[in-house]
C-alpha atoms as a PDB file:
ATOM      1  CA  MET A   1      71.432  47.522  45.770  1.00  0.00           C
ATOM      2  CA  HIS A   2      72.691  45.694  42.705  1.00  0.00           C
ATOM      3  CA  ILE A   3      70.122  44.348  40.241  1.00  0.00           C
ATOM      4  CA  ASN A   4      71.016  42.045  37.370  1.00  0.00           C
ATOM      5  CA  LEU A   5      68.892  42.847  34.326  1.00  0.00           C
ATOM      6  CA  ILE A   6      68.614  39.661  32.293  1.00  0.00           C
ATOM      7  CA  TYR A   7      67.500  40.035  28.691  1.00  0.00           C
ATOM      8  CA  LEU A   8      65.875  36.827  27.495  1.00  0.00           C
ATOM      9  CA  ALA A   9      66.655  36.770  23.765  1.00  0.00           C
ATOM     10  CA  SER A  10      66.359  33.093  22.863  1.00  0.00           C
ATOM     11  CA  GLY A  11      62.958  32.914  21.168  1.00  0.00           C
ATOM     12  CA  GLN A  12      62.616  30.454  18.299  1.00  0.00           C
ATOM     13  CA  GLY A  13      59.981  32.502  16.457  1.00  0.00           C
ATOM     14  CA  ARG A  14      57.864  29.469  15.562  1.00  0.00           C
ATOM     15  CA  ARG A  15      54.621  31.425  15.175  1.00  0.00           C
ATOM     16  CA  PHE A  16      56.445  34.193  13.330  1.00  0.00           C
ATOM     17  CA  GLY A  17      57.766  31.736  10.753  1.00  0.00           C
ATOM     18  CA  ARG A  18      61.421  32.774  11.071  1.00  0.00           C
ATOM     19  CA  ASN A  19      63.792  34.284  13.607  1.00  0.00           C
ATOM     20  CA  LYS A  20      61.729  37.256  14.707  1.00  0.00           C
ATOM     21  CA  LEU A  21      64.414  38.710  16.980  1.00  0.00           C
ATOM     22  CA  LEU A  22      66.729  39.302  14.017  1.00  0.00           C
ATOM     23  CA  THR A  23      63.931  40.509  11.729  1.00  0.00           C
ATOM     24  CA  PRO A  24      64.060  44.249  10.906  1.00  0.00           C
ATOM     25  CA  PHE A  25      61.377  46.235  12.712  1.00  0.00           C
ATOM     26  CA  ALA A  26      61.094  50.028  12.742  1.00  0.00           C
ATOM     27  CA  GLY A  27      64.598  50.498  11.394  1.00  0.00           C
ATOM     28  CA  ARG A  28      66.572  47.928  13.362  1.00  0.00           C
ATOM     29  CA  PRO A  29      66.423  44.241  14.368  1.00  0.00           C
ATOM     30  CA  LEU A  30      63.574  43.627  16.787  1.00  0.00           C
ATOM     31  CA  TYR A  31      65.778  42.626  19.717  1.00  0.00           C
ATOM     32  CA  GLN A  32      67.681  45.929  19.661  1.00  0.00           C
ATOM     33  CA  HIS A  33      64.648  47.982  20.662  1.00  0.00           C
ATOM     34  CA  GLY A  34      64.192  46.325  24.031  1.00  0.00           C
ATOM     35  CA  PHE A  35      67.924  46.202  24.664  1.00  0.00           C
ATOM     36  CA  LEU A  36      68.311  49.942  24.134  1.00  0.00           C
ATOM     37  CA  GLN A  37      65.397  50.689  26.454  1.00  0.00           C
ATOM     38  CA  LEU A  38      66.957  48.521  29.168  1.00  0.00           C
ATOM     39  CA  ALA A  39      70.273  50.294  28.713  1.00  0.00           C
ATOM     40  CA  GLY A  40      68.497  53.621  29.031  1.00  0.00           C
ATOM     41  CA  ALA A  41      66.721  52.517  32.194  1.00  0.00           C
ATOM     42  CA  MET A  42      70.059  51.590  33.757  1.00  0.00           C
ATOM     43  CA  LYS A  43      71.192  55.207  33.484  1.00  0.00           C
ATOM     44  CA  TYR A  44      68.069  56.432  35.275  1.00  0.00           C
ATOM     45  CA  VAL A  45      68.325  54.033  38.195  1.00  0.00           C
ATOM     46  CA  HIS A  46      72.077  54.548  38.551  1.00  0.00           C
ATOM     47  CA  GLN A  47      71.343  58.163  39.429  1.00  0.00           C
ATOM     48  CA  ALA A  48      69.193  56.860  42.286  1.00  0.00           C
ATOM     49  CA  GLY A  49      72.025  54.747  43.679  1.00  0.00           C
ATOM     50  CA  ILE A  50      71.050  51.408  42.147  1.00  0.00           C
ATOM     51  CA  SER A  51      73.749  49.583  40.210  1.00  0.00           C
ATOM     52  CA  CYS A  52      72.924  47.157  37.411  1.00  0.00           C
ATOM     53  CA  ASP A  53      74.516  44.716  35.033  1.00  0.00           C
ATOM     54  CA  LEU A  54      72.798  44.016  31.729  1.00  0.00           C
ATOM     55  CA  ALA A  55      73.153  40.383  30.671  1.00  0.00           C
ATOM     56  CA  VAL A  56      71.893  38.924  27.407  1.00  0.00           C
ATOM     57  CA  ILE A  57      71.056  35.237  27.054  1.00  0.00           C
ATOM     58  CA  SER A  58      70.771  34.081  23.446  1.00  0.00           C
ATOM     59  CA  PRO A  59      71.733  31.248  21.089  1.00  0.00           C
ATOM     60  CA  TYR A  60      72.288  33.744  18.253  1.00  0.00           C
ATOM     61  CA  GLU A  61      75.899  34.803  17.766  1.00  0.00           C
ATOM     62  CA  THR A  62      75.127  37.938  15.737  1.00  0.00           C
ATOM     63  CA  LEU A  63      72.754  39.104  18.468  1.00  0.00           C
ATOM     64  CA  ARG A  64      75.257  38.387  21.227  1.00  0.00           C
ATOM     65  CA  GLN A  65      78.054  40.122  19.336  1.00  0.00           C
ATOM     66  CA  TRP A  66      76.060  43.323  18.888  1.00  0.00           C
ATOM     67  CA  CYS A  67      75.012  43.357  22.546  1.00  0.00           C
ATOM     68  CA  ARG A  68      78.604  42.720  23.618  1.00  0.00           C
ATOM     69  CA  GLU A  69      79.719  45.702  21.548  1.00  0.00           C
ATOM     70  CA  GLN A  70      77.195  47.838  23.444  1.00  0.00           C
ATOM     71  CA  GLY A  71      78.806  46.829  26.740  1.00  0.00           C
ATOM     72  CA  ALA A  72      76.481  44.039  27.839  1.00  0.00           C
ATOM     73  CA  LEU A  73      77.478  40.733  29.346  1.00  0.00           C
ATOM     74  CA  VAL A  74      76.444  37.854  27.102  1.00  0.00           C
ATOM     75  CA  TRP A  75      75.923  34.121  27.512  1.00  0.00           C
ATOM     76  CA  PRO A  76      75.015  31.528  24.877  1.00  0.00           C
ATOM     77  CA  ASN A  77      71.918  29.402  25.320  1.00  0.00           C
ATOM     78  CA  ASP A  78      72.419  25.913  23.948  1.00  0.00           C
ATOM     79  CA  ALA A  79      69.101  24.767  25.417  1.00  0.00           C
ATOM     80  CA  SER A  80      66.878  27.390  23.807  1.00  0.00           C
ATOM     81  CA  LYS A  81      64.521  24.782  22.350  1.00  0.00           C
ATOM     82  CA  GLU A  82      63.479  23.880  25.893  1.00  0.00           C
ATOM     83  CA  GLY A  83      61.766  27.231  26.380  1.00  0.00           C
ATOM     84  CA  ILE A  84      62.202  30.384  28.425  1.00  0.00           C
ATOM     85  CA  ALA A  85      63.173  28.577  31.628  1.00  0.00           C
ATOM     86  CA  ALA A  86      66.564  27.681  30.158  1.00  0.00           C
ATOM     87  CA  SER A  87      67.399  31.363  29.691  1.00  0.00           C
ATOM     88  CA  ILE A  88      66.272  32.150  33.230  1.00  0.00           C
ATOM     89  CA  ARG A  89      68.509  29.437  34.664  1.00  0.00           C
ATOM     90  CA  ILE A  90      71.543  30.545  32.655  1.00  0.00           C
ATOM     91  CA  GLY A  91      71.174  34.174  33.701  1.00  0.00           C
ATOM     92  CA  THR A  92      70.560  33.326  37.332  1.00  0.00           C
ATOM     93  CA  ALA A  93      73.538  30.977  37.554  1.00  0.00           C
ATOM     94  CA  ALA A  94      75.918  33.350  35.787  1.00  0.00           C
ATOM     95  CA  LEU A  95      75.499  36.408  37.980  1.00  0.00           C
ATOM     96  CA  ASP A  96      75.664  37.443  41.618  1.00  0.00           C
ATOM     97  CA  GLY A  97      73.569  40.285  42.944  1.00  0.00           C
ATOM     98  CA  ASP A  98      70.830  41.421  45.280  1.00  0.00           C
ATOM     99  CA  ALA A  99      68.062  40.895  42.738  1.00  0.00           C
ATOM    100  CA  TYR A 100      67.376  39.524  39.262  1.00  0.00           C
ATOM    101  CA  GLY A 101      65.101  41.234  36.755  1.00  0.00           C
ATOM    102  CA  PHE A 102      63.874  39.364  33.689  1.00  0.00           C
ATOM    103  CA  PHE A 103      62.858  41.023  30.424  1.00  0.00           C
ATOM    104  CA  VAL A 104      61.823  39.405  27.143  1.00  0.00           C
ATOM    105  CA  ALA A 105      63.172  40.642  23.815  1.00  0.00           C
ATOM    106  CA  ASP A 106      59.977  40.855  21.745  1.00  0.00           C
ATOM    107  CA  ARG A 107      58.254  43.841  23.402  1.00  0.00           C
ATOM    108  CA  PRO A 108      59.565  46.850  21.495  1.00  0.00           C
ATOM    109  CA  LEU A 109      57.151  49.386  23.002  1.00  0.00           C
ATOM    110  CA  LEU A 110      58.294  48.959  26.610  1.00  0.00           C
ATOM    111  CA  GLN A 111      59.896  52.287  27.526  1.00  0.00           C
ATOM    112  CA  ALA A 112      63.089  53.002  29.463  1.00  0.00           C
ATOM    113  CA  ARG A 113      61.260  55.322  31.854  1.00  0.00           C
ATOM    114  CA  THR A 114      58.697  52.604  32.584  1.00  0.00           C
ATOM    115  CA  ILE A 115      61.444  50.097  33.336  1.00  0.00           C
ATOM    116  CA  ALA A 116      63.261  52.590  35.557  1.00  0.00           C
ATOM    117  CA  ARG A 117      60.133  53.461  37.531  1.00  0.00           C
ATOM    118  CA  PHE A 118      59.397  49.769  37.944  1.00  0.00           C
ATOM    119  CA  LEU A 119      62.863  49.030  39.317  1.00  0.00           C
ATOM    120  CA  LEU A 120      62.879  52.060  41.597  1.00  0.00           C
ATOM    121  CA  GLY A 121      59.415  51.220  42.887  1.00  0.00           C
ATOM    122  CA  TYR A 122      60.435  47.647  43.559  1.00  0.00           C
ATOM    123  CA  VAL A 123      63.444  48.718  45.616  1.00  0.00           C
ATOM    124  CA  ARG A 124      61.440  51.270  47.587  1.00  0.00           C
ATOM    125  CA  SER A 125      58.611  48.806  48.226  1.00  0.00           C
ATOM    126  CA  GLY A 126      60.801  46.532  50.316  1.00  0.00           C
ATOM    127  CA  GLN A 127      59.059  43.509  48.795  1.00  0.00           C
ATOM    128  CA  SER A 128      60.999  40.452  47.674  1.00  0.00           C
ATOM    129  CA  VAL A 129      59.218  40.098  44.313  1.00  0.00           C
ATOM    130  CA  GLY A 130      58.029  42.652  41.781  1.00  0.00           C
ATOM    131  CA  ALA A 131      56.146  42.393  38.501  1.00  0.00           C
ATOM    132  CA  MET A 132      54.440  44.564  35.952  1.00  0.00           C
ATOM    133  CA  ARG A 133      50.680  44.384  35.565  1.00  0.00           C
ATOM    134  CA  ALA A 134      48.643  45.400  32.528  1.00  0.00           C
ATOM    135  CA  SER A 135      44.843  45.194  32.371  1.00  0.00           C
ATOM    136  CA  GLY A 136      44.862  43.028  35.475  1.00  0.00           C
ATOM    137  CA  VAL A 137      47.363  40.505  34.085  1.00  0.00           C
ATOM    138  CA  VAL A 138      50.557  40.018  36.108  1.00  0.00           C
ATOM    139  CA  GLY A 139      53.715  38.758  34.444  1.00  0.00           C
ATOM    140  CA  ASN A 140      57.046  39.576  32.837  1.00  0.00           C
ATOM    141  CA  PRO A 141      58.931  41.829  33.388  1.00  0.00           C
ATOM    142  CA  ALA A 142      59.509  40.515  36.882  1.00  0.00           C
ATOM    143  CA  VAL A 143      62.201  40.929  39.507  1.00  0.00           C
ATOM    144  CA  PHE A 144      63.160  38.566  42.329  1.00  0.00           C
ATOM    145  CA  CYS A 145      65.511  39.070  45.245  1.00  0.00           C
ATOM    146  CA  SER A 146      68.450  36.702  45.441  1.00  0.00           C
ATOM    147  CA  THR A 147      66.759  34.430  47.990  1.00  0.00           C
ATOM    148  CA  PHE A 148      64.734  33.059  45.066  1.00  0.00           C
ATOM    149  CA  CYS A 149      67.770  31.846  43.099  1.00  0.00           C
ATOM    150  CA  GLN A 150      67.222  28.196  43.952  1.00  0.00           C
ATOM    151  CA  GLU A 151      63.613  28.321  42.793  1.00  0.00           C
ATOM    152  CA  LEU A 152      64.548  30.193  39.633  1.00  0.00           C
ATOM    153  CA  MET A 153      67.111  27.489  38.918  1.00  0.00           C
ATOM    154  CA  SER A 154      64.421  24.827  39.303  1.00  0.00           C
ATOM    155  CA  LEU A 155      62.249  26.201  36.481  1.00  0.00           C
ATOM    156  CA  ARG A 156      61.824  24.001  33.429  1.00  0.00           C
ATOM    157  CA  GLY A 157      60.226  24.248  30.007  1.00  0.00           C
ATOM    158  CA  ASP A 158      58.358  27.255  28.678  1.00  0.00           C
ATOM    159  CA  ARG A 159      56.557  28.313  31.852  1.00  0.00           C
ATOM    160  CA  GLY A 160      58.920  31.080  32.851  1.00  0.00           C
ATOM    161  CA  ALA A 161      58.650  32.690  36.254  1.00  0.00           C
ATOM    162  CA  GLY A 162      54.863  32.969  36.187  1.00  0.00           C
ATOM    163  CA  ALA A 163      54.501  30.052  38.577  1.00  0.00           C
ATOM    164  CA  LEU A 164      56.651  31.849  41.138  1.00  0.00           C
ATOM    165  CA  LEU A 165      54.651  35.048  40.767  1.00  0.00           C
ATOM    166  CA  LYS A 166      51.497  33.111  41.569  1.00  0.00           C
ATOM    167  CA  LYS A 167      53.101  31.248  44.451  1.00  0.00           C
ATOM    168  CA  TYR A 168      54.393  34.430  46.058  1.00  0.00           C
ATOM    169  CA  ARG A 169      51.670  36.857  45.034  1.00  0.00           C
ATOM    170  CA  GLU A 170      51.323  38.083  48.630  1.00  0.00           C
ATOM    171  CA  GLN A 171      54.973  39.180  48.528  1.00  0.00           C
ATOM    172  CA  CYS A 172      54.762  40.695  45.051  1.00  0.00           C
ATOM    173  CA  TRP A 173      54.861  44.431  44.483  1.00  0.00           C
ATOM    174  CA  LEU A 174      52.914  45.317  41.335  1.00  0.00           C
ATOM    175  CA  TYR A 175      53.508  48.151  38.909  1.00  0.00           C
ATOM    176  CA  ASP A 176      50.656  48.976  36.551  1.00  0.00           C
ATOM    177  CA  VAL A 177      51.588  49.860  32.980  1.00  0.00           C
ATOM    178  CA  PRO A 178      49.671  50.511  29.746  1.00  0.00           C
ATOM    179  CA  SER A 179      48.884  47.246  27.982  1.00  0.00           C
ATOM    180  CA  ILE A 180      50.479  48.416  24.757  1.00  0.00           C
ATOM    181  CA  GLU A 181      53.918  48.592  26.391  1.00  0.00           C
ATOM    182  CA  LEU A 182      53.758  44.863  27.114  1.00  0.00           C
ATOM    183  CA  ALA A 183      52.525  43.893  23.657  1.00  0.00           C
ATOM    184  CA  ASP A 184      54.486  40.944  22.246  1.00  0.00           C
ATOM    185  CA  ILE A 185      55.413  40.448  18.636  1.00  0.00           C
ATOM    186  CA  ASP A 186      54.616  36.775  18.105  1.00  0.00           C
ATOM    187  CA  THR A 187      53.342  36.915  14.516  1.00  0.00           C
ATOM    188  CA  GLU A 188      53.801  39.072  11.438  1.00  0.00           C
ATOM    189  CA  ALA A 189      50.307  40.421  12.074  1.00  0.00           C
ATOM    190  CA  ASP A 190      51.496  41.650  15.482  1.00  0.00           C
ATOM    191  CA  ALA A 191      54.408  43.411  13.814  1.00  0.00           C
ATOM    192  CA  ARG A 192      52.145  45.125  11.295  1.00  0.00           C
ATOM    193  CA  TYR A 193      49.821  46.283  14.078  1.00  0.00           C
ATOM    194  CA  LEU A 194      52.566  47.636  16.334  1.00  0.00           C
ATOM    195  CA  LEU A 195      54.725  49.301  13.686  1.00  0.00           C
ATOM    196  CA  PRO A 196      52.622  52.505  13.426  1.00  0.00           C
ATOM    197  CA  LEU A 197      52.681  52.784  17.221  1.00  0.00           C
ATOM    198  CA  MET A 198      56.476  52.505  17.218  1.00  0.00           C
ATOM    199  CA  ASN A 199      56.659  55.406  14.826  1.00  0.00           C
ATOM    200  CA  LYS A 200      54.673  57.521  17.311  1.00  0.00           C
ATOM    201  CA  LYS A 201      56.967  56.862  20.282  1.00  0.00           C
END
């Protein structure tokens, strides 16, 4: 199986007050933490016979350039102000594969081993949709088999793939994870709270 891992790195950082993805956090720009964990997860799943491409969707040239230098595929997002759906459409349209996994770039505590176990579990489940669940809440990261491409391409605005997860919940394999791994950095207060936890990883 070939899974496209699509890194959604187009956030505007409105609540943060500036571009949060490029803001230093625990020794490197915020977006690099999640990217490196995804890259690490790819190595784990490759050993299990699953191939992956890592694609980064972002309007920020410095971010894309760094990710390109690490070996990722990159695409610009000229519609980032629309919301997350624009990134999903770009990634879906750009790549062919058996499945598409979507990961946001502002969750620095999500671990490579967690991502790898999620992807392996999804493949072994035989289900067409997979998502992580924390404290009963289902959402991103999520993975969809290629039969969902048309519906992924129909998404608009800032809703993301949550509507599809609800629509197809009976077909969705769920992987429970600690809530802290899915903690977003949306504000500077979030960053201050999560920084000590990063240092304990």
